[in-house]
Amino acid sequence: MSHRKILIVVSHYSLRPKSILQELINSLIDNRYDIVVVINNDDVDSVSHDIFCPGVVSINRPNTGMNIGAWDCAFREFPDYKYYIFLQDECVIKNFSFIEAYIARLSDVNIGVIGESINTKWNKDWILISNSVLNYVVGLNNLGNKVGRVEFYLYMMKKWGIEPGVTGRHLRALVWALRGDVLLKINGFPIGISKEECIAAEIAVSKSVEQLGLRVEQVDVDAFQYIRHSEWRNDGSSKI
């Protein structure tokens, strides 16, 4: 990799069409930053590097942790960048000044992570969330009692050594950007095994940043102003 300060990481699942990924990469090619594509692959059991296209490195890895697992892998393989911008391959660049906007926000030492969409539905006290329709049953405990999402997510965060804070407010794992020093302090991202563990990891990253005394923010007041996601409404309220 080069000596540039910015690394853009794009996660991709090996069974998804490559056309969407290629379109995003084509739109990102720029000499201001490096790009790495991380491919979650069901058929490999180790991490290997290759060339995705001229100027773009690819990492092939076991399919664990969904996109957060892919992002974490890229950070661990390339830990020396000052800034990291993590994308899913479903992302679409709306405003190509996103680099300037992201770096400007991350230059504020009081901000730990930024993204395009805060999950406002979870910006409530944990007790209120646990008494809402958001708290569906995700399984049974050893005694055969039902376990809700909130109980499970709080359990996973405790297991990872992360304080959950007062509310469930967090950045959706669609677009994240962090400084390298913050990633080092939080020791990268927690890796979930199941879908619900991956959702817990999504929340846990925001909480681990807050645990450092840093802020978790959208890059803009409105959602998806620089980078949108093909599965989500432009206002960030829900999936399409």
C-alpha atoms as a PDB file:
ATOM      1  CA  MET A   1       0.000   0.000   0.000  1.00  0.00           C
ATOM      2  CA  SER A   2       1.107   3.603  -0.501  1.00  0.00           C
ATOM      3  CA  HIS A   3       2.020   6.242   2.055  1.00  0.00           C
ATOM      4  CA  ARG A   4      -1.279   8.103   1.768  1.00  0.00           C
ATOM      5  CA  LYS A   5      -3.091   8.954   4.997  1.00  0.00           C
ATOM      6  CA  ILE A   6      -6.592   7.769   4.068  1.00  0.00           C
ATOM      7  CA  LEU A   7      -7.811   4.224   3.500  1.00  0.00           C
ATOM      8  CA  ILE A   8     -11.268   3.502   2.086  1.00  0.00           C
ATOM      9  CA  VAL A   9     -12.454  -0.018   2.893  1.00  0.00           C
ATOM     10  CA  VAL A  10     -15.312  -1.633   0.954  1.00  0.00           C
ATOM     11  CA  SER A  11     -16.895  -4.845   2.260  1.00  0.00           C
ATOM     12  CA  HIS A  12     -18.300  -7.426  -0.158  1.00  0.00           C
ATOM     13  CA  TYR A  13     -19.841 -10.899   0.157  1.00  0.00           C
ATOM     14  CA  SER A  14     -18.417 -13.320  -2.408  1.00  0.00           C
ATOM     15  CA  LEU A  15     -21.837 -14.559  -3.603  1.00  0.00           C
ATOM     16  CA  ARG A  16     -23.152 -11.065  -4.339  1.00  0.00           C
ATOM     17  CA  PRO A  17     -22.976  -9.723  -7.913  1.00  0.00           C
ATOM     18  CA  LYS A  18     -19.620  -8.113  -8.663  1.00  0.00           C
ATOM     19  CA  SER A  19     -21.210  -5.460 -10.875  1.00  0.00           C
ATOM     20  CA  ILE A  20     -22.439  -3.362  -7.941  1.00  0.00           C
ATOM     21  CA  LEU A  21     -19.049  -3.571  -6.265  1.00  0.00           C
ATOM     22  CA  GLN A  22     -17.216  -2.661  -9.461  1.00  0.00           C
ATOM     23  CA  GLU A  23     -19.476   0.347 -10.035  1.00  0.00           C
ATOM     24  CA  LEU A  24     -18.710   1.673  -6.565  1.00  0.00           C
ATOM     25  CA  ILE A  25     -14.970   1.096  -6.953  1.00  0.00           C
ATOM     26  CA  ASN A  26     -14.971   2.841 -10.342  1.00  0.00           C
ATOM     27  CA  SER A  27     -16.609   5.864  -8.721  1.00  0.00           C
ATOM     28  CA  LEU A  28     -14.039   5.913  -5.915  1.00  0.00           C
ATOM     29  CA  ILE A  29     -10.786   5.687  -7.865  1.00  0.00           C
ATOM     30  CA  ASP A  30      -8.795   8.750  -6.848  1.00  0.00           C
ATOM     31  CA  ASN A  31      -5.157   9.496  -6.106  1.00  0.00           C
ATOM     32  CA  ARG A  32      -5.963  11.143  -2.761  1.00  0.00           C
ATOM     33  CA  TYR A  33      -6.495   7.871  -0.899  1.00  0.00           C
ATOM     34  CA  ASP A  34      -5.989   4.112  -1.003  1.00  0.00           C
ATOM     35  CA  ILE A  35      -8.774   1.572  -1.487  1.00  0.00           C
ATOM     36  CA  VAL A  36      -9.059  -1.990  -0.266  1.00  0.00           C
ATOM     37  CA  VAL A  37     -11.906  -4.408  -1.010  1.00  0.00           C
ATOM     38  CA  VAL A  38     -12.532  -7.043   1.660  1.00  0.00           C
ATOM     39  CA  ILE A  39     -14.348 -10.139   0.418  1.00  0.00           C
ATOM     40  CA  ASN A  40     -16.196 -12.295   2.945  1.00  0.00           C
ATOM     41  CA  ASN A  41     -15.922 -15.784   1.499  1.00  0.00           C
ATOM     42  CA  ASP A  42     -17.669 -18.925   2.785  1.00  0.00           C
ATOM     43  CA  ASP A  43     -15.081 -21.141   1.086  1.00  0.00           C
ATOM     44  CA  VAL A  44     -11.830 -19.929   2.658  1.00  0.00           C
ATOM     45  CA  ASP A  45     -10.364 -20.450   6.114  1.00  0.00           C
ATOM     46  CA  SER A  46      -7.520 -17.926   6.081  1.00  0.00           C
ATOM     47  CA  VAL A  47      -6.764 -14.349   5.032  1.00  0.00           C
ATOM     48  CA  SER A  48      -5.016 -13.686   1.734  1.00  0.00           C
ATOM     49  CA  HIS A  49      -4.254 -10.608  -0.398  1.00  0.00           C
ATOM     50  CA  ASP A  50      -4.706 -10.071  -4.117  1.00  0.00           C
ATOM     51  CA  ILE A  51      -5.291  -7.274  -6.642  1.00  0.00           C
ATOM     52  CA  PHE A  52      -8.933  -6.407  -7.286  1.00  0.00           C
ATOM     53  CA  CYS A  53      -8.117  -4.020 -10.123  1.00  0.00           C
ATOM     54  CA  PRO A  54      -5.215  -1.662 -10.879  1.00  0.00           C
ATOM     55  CA  GLY A  55      -4.532   0.397  -7.766  1.00  0.00           C
ATOM     56  CA  VAL A  56      -6.989  -1.518  -5.550  1.00  0.00           C
ATOM     57  CA  VAL A  57      -5.956  -4.286  -3.161  1.00  0.00           C
ATOM     58  CA  SER A  58      -8.374  -7.067  -2.234  1.00  0.00           C
ATOM     59  CA  ILE A  59      -8.455  -9.185   0.920  1.00  0.00           C
ATOM     60  CA  ASN A  60     -10.112 -12.587   0.873  1.00  0.00           C
ATOM     61  CA  ARG A  61     -11.204 -13.783   4.321  1.00  0.00           C
ATOM     62  CA  PRO A  62     -13.505 -16.241   6.086  1.00  0.00           C
ATOM     63  CA  ASN A  63     -17.096 -15.014   6.219  1.00  0.00           C
ATOM     64  CA  THR A  64     -17.420 -13.972   9.869  1.00  0.00           C
ATOM     65  CA  GLY A  65     -18.795 -10.790  11.393  1.00  0.00           C
ATOM     66  CA  MET A  66     -20.539  -9.620   8.217  1.00  0.00           C
ATOM     67  CA  ASN A  67     -19.397  -6.174   7.018  1.00  0.00           C
ATOM     68  CA  ILE A  68     -18.030  -5.205  10.457  1.00  0.00           C
ATOM     69  CA  GLY A  69     -15.820  -8.289  10.391  1.00  0.00           C
ATOM     70  CA  ALA A  70     -14.558  -7.308   6.942  1.00  0.00           C
ATOM     71  CA  TRP A  71     -13.840  -3.754   8.080  1.00  0.00           C
ATOM     72  CA  ASP A  72     -12.009  -4.954  11.175  1.00  0.00           C
ATOM     73  CA  CYS A  73      -9.879  -7.283   9.053  1.00  0.00           C
ATOM     74  CA  ALA A  74      -8.781  -4.396   6.814  1.00  0.00           C
ATOM     75  CA  PHE A  75      -7.767  -2.317   9.821  1.00  0.00           C
ATOM     76  CA  ARG A  76      -5.718  -5.180  11.250  1.00  0.00           C
ATOM     77  CA  GLU A  77      -4.050  -5.889   7.910  1.00  0.00           C
ATOM     78  CA  PHE A  78      -3.322  -2.180   7.306  1.00  0.00           C
ATOM     79  CA  PRO A  79      -3.115  -0.508  10.752  1.00  0.00           C
ATOM     80  CA  ASP A  80      -1.010   2.546   9.892  1.00  0.00           C
ATOM     81  CA  TYR A  81      -3.451   4.959   8.265  1.00  0.00           C
ATOM     82  CA  LYS A  82      -4.501   8.211   9.886  1.00  0.00           C
ATOM     83  CA  TYR A  83      -8.094   7.999   8.650  1.00  0.00           C
ATOM     84  CA  TYR A  84     -10.341   5.079   7.717  1.00  0.00           C
ATOM     85  CA  ILE A  85     -13.633   5.254   5.834  1.00  0.00           C
ATOM     86  CA  PHE A  86     -15.607   2.006   5.855  1.00  0.00           C
ATOM     87  CA  LEU A  87     -18.324   1.317   3.271  1.00  0.00           C
ATOM     88  CA  GLN A  88     -20.609  -1.519   2.251  1.00  0.00           C
ATOM     89  CA  ASP A  89     -20.656  -2.347  -1.452  1.00  0.00           C
ATOM     90  CA  GLU A  90     -24.312  -1.217  -1.593  1.00  0.00           C
ATOM     91  CA  CYS A  91     -23.167   2.355  -0.948  1.00  0.00           C
ATOM     92  CA  VAL A  92     -23.499   4.999  -3.652  1.00  0.00           C
ATOM     93  CA  ILE A  93     -21.474   8.215  -3.599  1.00  0.00           C
ATOM     94  CA  LYS A  94     -23.781  11.249  -3.811  1.00  0.00           C
ATOM     95  CA  ASN A  95     -21.307  14.046  -3.164  1.00  0.00           C
ATOM     96  CA  PHE A  96     -17.661  13.602  -4.085  1.00  0.00           C
ATOM     97  CA  SER A  97     -16.589  16.185  -1.530  1.00  0.00           C
ATOM     98  CA  PHE A  98     -17.211  13.487   1.090  1.00  0.00           C
ATOM     99  CA  ILE A  99     -13.487  13.102   1.735  1.00  0.00           C
ATOM    100  CA  GLU A 100     -13.096  16.760   2.699  1.00  0.00           C
ATOM    101  CA  ALA A 101     -16.269  16.649   4.797  1.00  0.00           C
ATOM    102  CA  TYR A 102     -15.288  13.467   6.624  1.00  0.00           C
ATOM    103  CA  ILE A 103     -11.734  14.555   7.349  1.00  0.00           C
ATOM    104  CA  ALA A 104     -12.935  17.957   8.551  1.00  0.00           C
ATOM    105  CA  ARG A 105     -15.255  16.312  11.068  1.00  0.00           C
ATOM    106  CA  LEU A 106     -12.670  13.761  12.176  1.00  0.00           C
ATOM    107  CA  SER A 107     -10.155  16.572  12.702  1.00  0.00           C
ATOM    108  CA  ASP A 108     -12.225  17.490  15.754  1.00  0.00           C
ATOM    109  CA  VAL A 109     -10.450  15.539  18.498  1.00  0.00           C
ATOM    110  CA  ASN A 110     -13.696  15.291  20.458  1.00  0.00           C
ATOM    111  CA  ILE A 111     -15.344  13.202  17.719  1.00  0.00           C
ATOM    112  CA  GLY A 112     -14.595   9.482  17.657  1.00  0.00           C
ATOM    113  CA  VAL A 113     -16.698   8.103  14.815  1.00  0.00           C
ATOM    114  CA  ILE A 114     -18.917   9.588  12.119  1.00  0.00           C
ATOM    115  CA  GLY A 115     -21.247   8.075   9.556  1.00  0.00           C
ATOM    116  CA  GLU A 116     -24.226   8.761   7.377  1.00  0.00           C
ATOM    117  CA  SER A 117     -27.089   7.505   9.552  1.00  0.00           C
ATOM    118  CA  ILE A 118     -27.771   7.516  13.282  1.00  0.00           C
ATOM    119  CA  ASN A 119     -30.361   4.949  14.339  1.00  0.00           C
ATOM    120  CA  THR A 120     -32.772   7.413  15.948  1.00  0.00           C
ATOM    121  CA  LYS A 121     -35.266   4.669  16.859  1.00  0.00           C
ATOM    122  CA  TRP A 122     -32.759   3.444  19.421  1.00  0.00           C
ATOM    123  CA  ASN A 123     -31.999   6.891  20.844  1.00  0.00           C
ATOM    124  CA  LYS A 124     -33.950   6.025  23.987  1.00  0.00           C
ATOM    125  CA  ASP A 125     -33.196   4.770  27.463  1.00  0.00           C
ATOM    126  CA  TRP A 126     -32.441   1.041  27.455  1.00  0.00           C
ATOM    127  CA  ILE A 127     -35.401   0.425  29.761  1.00  0.00           C
ATOM    128  CA  LEU A 128     -37.772   2.161  27.337  1.00  0.00           C
ATOM    129  CA  ILE A 129     -36.386   0.111  24.446  1.00  0.00           C
ATOM    130  CA  SER A 130     -36.790  -3.103  26.407  1.00  0.00           C
ATOM    131  CA  ASN A 131     -40.485  -2.272  26.880  1.00  0.00           C
ATOM    132  CA  SER A 132     -41.043  -1.461  23.196  1.00  0.00           C
ATOM    133  CA  VAL A 133     -41.781  -3.491  20.063  1.00  0.00           C
ATOM    134  CA  LEU A 134     -38.082  -3.253  19.189  1.00  0.00           C
ATOM    135  CA  ASN A 135     -37.326  -5.805  21.891  1.00  0.00           C
ATOM    136  CA  TYR A 136     -38.375  -8.988  20.110  1.00  0.00           C
ATOM    137  CA  VAL A 137     -37.333 -12.438  21.352  1.00  0.00           C
ATOM    138  CA  VAL A 138     -34.006 -13.688  19.961  1.00  0.00           C
ATOM    139  CA  GLY A 139     -33.686 -17.008  21.789  1.00  0.00           C
ATOM    140  CA  LEU A 140     -33.870 -18.936  25.042  1.00  0.00           C
ATOM    141  CA  ASN A 141     -31.468 -18.955  27.974  1.00  0.00           C
ATOM    142  CA  ASN A 142     -30.179 -22.046  29.793  1.00  0.00           C
ATOM    143  CA  LEU A 143     -33.363 -22.175  31.865  1.00  0.00           C
ATOM    144  CA  GLY A 144     -35.572 -22.119  28.800  1.00  0.00           C
ATOM    145  CA  ASN A 145     -36.714 -18.544  29.400  1.00  0.00           C
ATOM    146  CA  LYS A 146     -37.173 -16.155  26.486  1.00  0.00           C
ATOM    147  CA  VAL A 147     -34.379 -13.655  25.871  1.00  0.00           C
ATOM    148  CA  GLY A 148     -35.128 -10.301  24.222  1.00  0.00           C
ATOM    149  CA  ARG A 149     -32.832  -8.267  22.019  1.00  0.00           C
ATOM    150  CA  VAL A 150     -31.971  -5.699  24.663  1.00  0.00           C
ATOM    151  CA  GLU A 151     -30.979  -8.303  27.238  1.00  0.00           C
ATOM    152  CA  PHE A 152     -28.900 -10.114  24.631  1.00  0.00           C
ATOM    153  CA  TYR A 153     -27.192  -6.991  23.279  1.00  0.00           C
ATOM    154  CA  LEU A 154     -26.334  -5.791  26.784  1.00  0.00           C
ATOM    155  CA  TYR A 155     -24.954  -9.244  27.573  1.00  0.00           C
ATOM    156  CA  MET A 156     -22.741  -9.191  24.465  1.00  0.00           C
ATOM    157  CA  MET A 157     -21.430  -5.715  25.222  1.00  0.00           C
ATOM    158  CA  LYS A 158     -20.576  -6.795  28.760  1.00  0.00           C
ATOM    159  CA  LYS A 159     -18.817  -9.862  27.313  1.00  0.00           C
ATOM    160  CA  TRP A 160     -16.766  -7.569  25.063  1.00  0.00           C
ATOM    161  CA  GLY A 161     -15.954  -5.261  27.996  1.00  0.00           C
ATOM    162  CA  ILE A 162     -17.949  -2.330  26.584  1.00  0.00           C
ATOM    163  CA  GLU A 163     -20.192  -0.089  28.669  1.00  0.00           C
ATOM    164  CA  PRO A 164     -23.643   0.257  27.047  1.00  0.00           C
ATOM    165  CA  GLY A 165     -24.306   3.761  28.336  1.00  0.00           C
ATOM    166  CA  VAL A 166     -27.774   5.089  29.103  1.00  0.00           C
ATOM    167  CA  THR A 167     -29.354   4.853  25.643  1.00  0.00           C
ATOM    168  CA  GLY A 168     -29.150   2.623  22.583  1.00  0.00           C
ATOM    169  CA  ARG A 169     -28.156   5.493  20.262  1.00  0.00           C
ATOM    170  CA  HIS A 170     -25.672   4.318  17.622  1.00  0.00           C
ATOM    171  CA  LEU A 171     -24.453   4.758  14.059  1.00  0.00           C
ATOM    172  CA  ARG A 172     -25.752   2.210  11.588  1.00  0.00           C
ATOM    173  CA  ALA A 173     -22.963   0.037  10.164  1.00  0.00           C
ATOM    174  CA  LEU A 174     -23.489   1.278   6.612  1.00  0.00           C
ATOM    175  CA  VAL A 175     -20.789   3.953   6.531  1.00  0.00           C
ATOM    176  CA  TRP A 176     -18.324   4.561   9.347  1.00  0.00           C
ATOM    177  CA  ALA A 177     -15.256   6.780   9.486  1.00  0.00           C
ATOM    178  CA  LEU A 178     -12.701   6.852  12.291  1.00  0.00           C
ATOM    179  CA  ARG A 179      -9.193   8.065  12.962  1.00  0.00           C
ATOM    180  CA  GLY A 180      -6.561   5.383  13.246  1.00  0.00           C
ATOM    181  CA  ASP A 181      -5.725   6.390  16.812  1.00  0.00           C
ATOM    182  CA  VAL A 182      -9.342   5.816  17.862  1.00  0.00           C
ATOM    183  CA  LEU A 183      -9.390   2.389  16.211  1.00  0.00           C
ATOM    184  CA  LEU A 184      -6.252   1.491  18.133  1.00  0.00           C
ATOM    185  CA  LYS A 185      -7.774   2.635  21.414  1.00  0.00           C
ATOM    186  CA  ILE A 186     -10.948   0.584  20.933  1.00  0.00           C
ATOM    187  CA  ASN A 187      -8.881  -2.351  19.582  1.00  0.00           C
ATOM    188  CA  GLY A 188     -10.771  -2.526  16.319  1.00  0.00           C
ATOM    189  CA  PHE A 189     -14.317  -3.829  16.085  1.00  0.00           C
ATOM    190  CA  PRO A 190     -15.996  -6.685  17.973  1.00  0.00           C
ATOM    191  CA  ILE A 191     -16.886  -9.623  15.737  1.00  0.00           C
ATOM    192  CA  GLY A 192     -20.335 -11.181  15.931  1.00  0.00           C
ATOM    193  CA  ILE A 193     -21.018 -14.756  14.865  1.00  0.00           C
ATOM    194  CA  SER A 194     -24.794 -14.721  14.411  1.00  0.00           C
ATOM    195  CA  LYS A 195     -26.964 -11.969  12.924  1.00  0.00           C
ATOM    196  CA  GLU A 196     -27.988 -10.767  16.395  1.00  0.00           C
ATOM    197  CA  GLU A 197     -24.378 -10.742  17.595  1.00  0.00           C
ATOM    198  CA  CYS A 198     -23.496  -8.606  14.566  1.00  0.00           C
ATOM    199  CA  ILE A 199     -26.244  -6.128  15.487  1.00  0.00           C
ATOM    200  CA  ALA A 200     -24.856  -6.074  19.027  1.00  0.00           C
ATOM    201  CA  ALA A 201     -21.428  -5.334  17.529  1.00  0.00           C
ATOM    202  CA  GLU A 202     -22.886  -2.458  15.510  1.00  0.00           C
ATOM    203  CA  ILE A 203     -24.196  -0.848  18.704  1.00  0.00           C
ATOM    204  CA  ALA A 204     -21.072  -1.765  20.656  1.00  0.00           C
ATOM    205  CA  VAL A 205     -18.749   0.218  18.371  1.00  0.00           C
ATOM    206  CA  SER A 206     -20.606   3.466  19.090  1.00  0.00           C
ATOM    207  CA  LYS A 207     -20.569   2.638  22.800  1.00  0.00           C
ATOM    208  CA  SER A 208     -16.861   1.815  22.824  1.00  0.00           C
ATOM    209  CA  VAL A 209     -16.168   5.234  21.267  1.00  0.00           C
ATOM    210  CA  GLU A 210     -18.383   6.958  23.851  1.00  0.00           C
ATOM    211  CA  GLN A 211     -16.531   5.029  26.553  1.00  0.00           C
ATOM    212  CA  LEU A 212     -13.426   6.970  25.474  1.00  0.00           C
ATOM    213  CA  GLY A 213     -15.306  10.231  26.098  1.00  0.00           C
ATOM    214  CA  LEU A 214     -15.663  10.894  22.359  1.00  0.00           C
ATOM    215  CA  ARG A 215     -18.756  11.779  20.339  1.00  0.00           C
ATOM    216  CA  VAL A 216     -20.654   9.616  17.860  1.00  0.00           C
ATOM    217  CA  GLU A 217     -22.165  11.754  15.086  1.00  0.00           C
ATOM    218  CA  GLN A 218     -23.619  11.880  11.600  1.00  0.00           C
ATOM    219  CA  VAL A 219     -21.347  13.685   9.179  1.00  0.00           C
ATOM    220  CA  ASP A 220     -24.284  15.972   8.342  1.00  0.00           C
ATOM    221  CA  VAL A 221     -27.439  16.994  10.185  1.00  0.00           C
ATOM    222  CA  ASP A 222     -29.466  15.026   7.625  1.00  0.00           C
ATOM    223  CA  ALA A 223     -28.854  11.369   6.842  1.00  0.00           C
ATOM    224  CA  PHE A 224     -27.150  10.157   3.645  1.00  0.00           C
ATOM    225  CA  GLN A 225     -26.003  13.563   2.452  1.00  0.00           C
ATOM    226  CA  TYR A 226     -22.663  12.378   1.060  1.00  0.00           C
ATOM    227  CA  ILE A 227     -23.035   8.629   0.669  1.00  0.00           C
ATOM    228  CA  ARG A 228     -26.367   6.856   0.389  1.00  0.00           C
ATOM    229  CA  HIS A 229     -27.210   3.181   0.714  1.00  0.00           C
ATOM    230  CA  SER A 230     -29.302   1.368  -1.886  1.00  0.00           C
ATOM    231  CA  GLU A 231     -31.358  -0.481   0.752  1.00  0.00           C
ATOM    232  CA  TRP A 232     -32.294   2.571   2.835  1.00  0.00           C
ATOM    233  CA  ARG A 233     -34.607   5.550   2.416  1.00  0.00           C
ATOM    234  CA  ASN A 234     -32.772   8.807   1.925  1.00  0.00           C
ATOM    235  CA  ASP A 235     -34.010  10.212   5.243  1.00  0.00           C
ATOM    236  CA  GLY A 236     -32.583   7.215   7.122  1.00  0.00           C
ATOM    237  CA  SER A 237     -35.946   6.367   8.670  1.00  0.00           C
ATOM    238  CA  SER A 238     -36.167   2.767   7.441  1.00  0.00           C
ATOM    239  CA  LYS A 239     -35.207   0.313   4.740  1.00  0.00           C
ATOM    240  CA  ILE A 240     -36.882   0.658   1.370  1.00  0.00           C
END
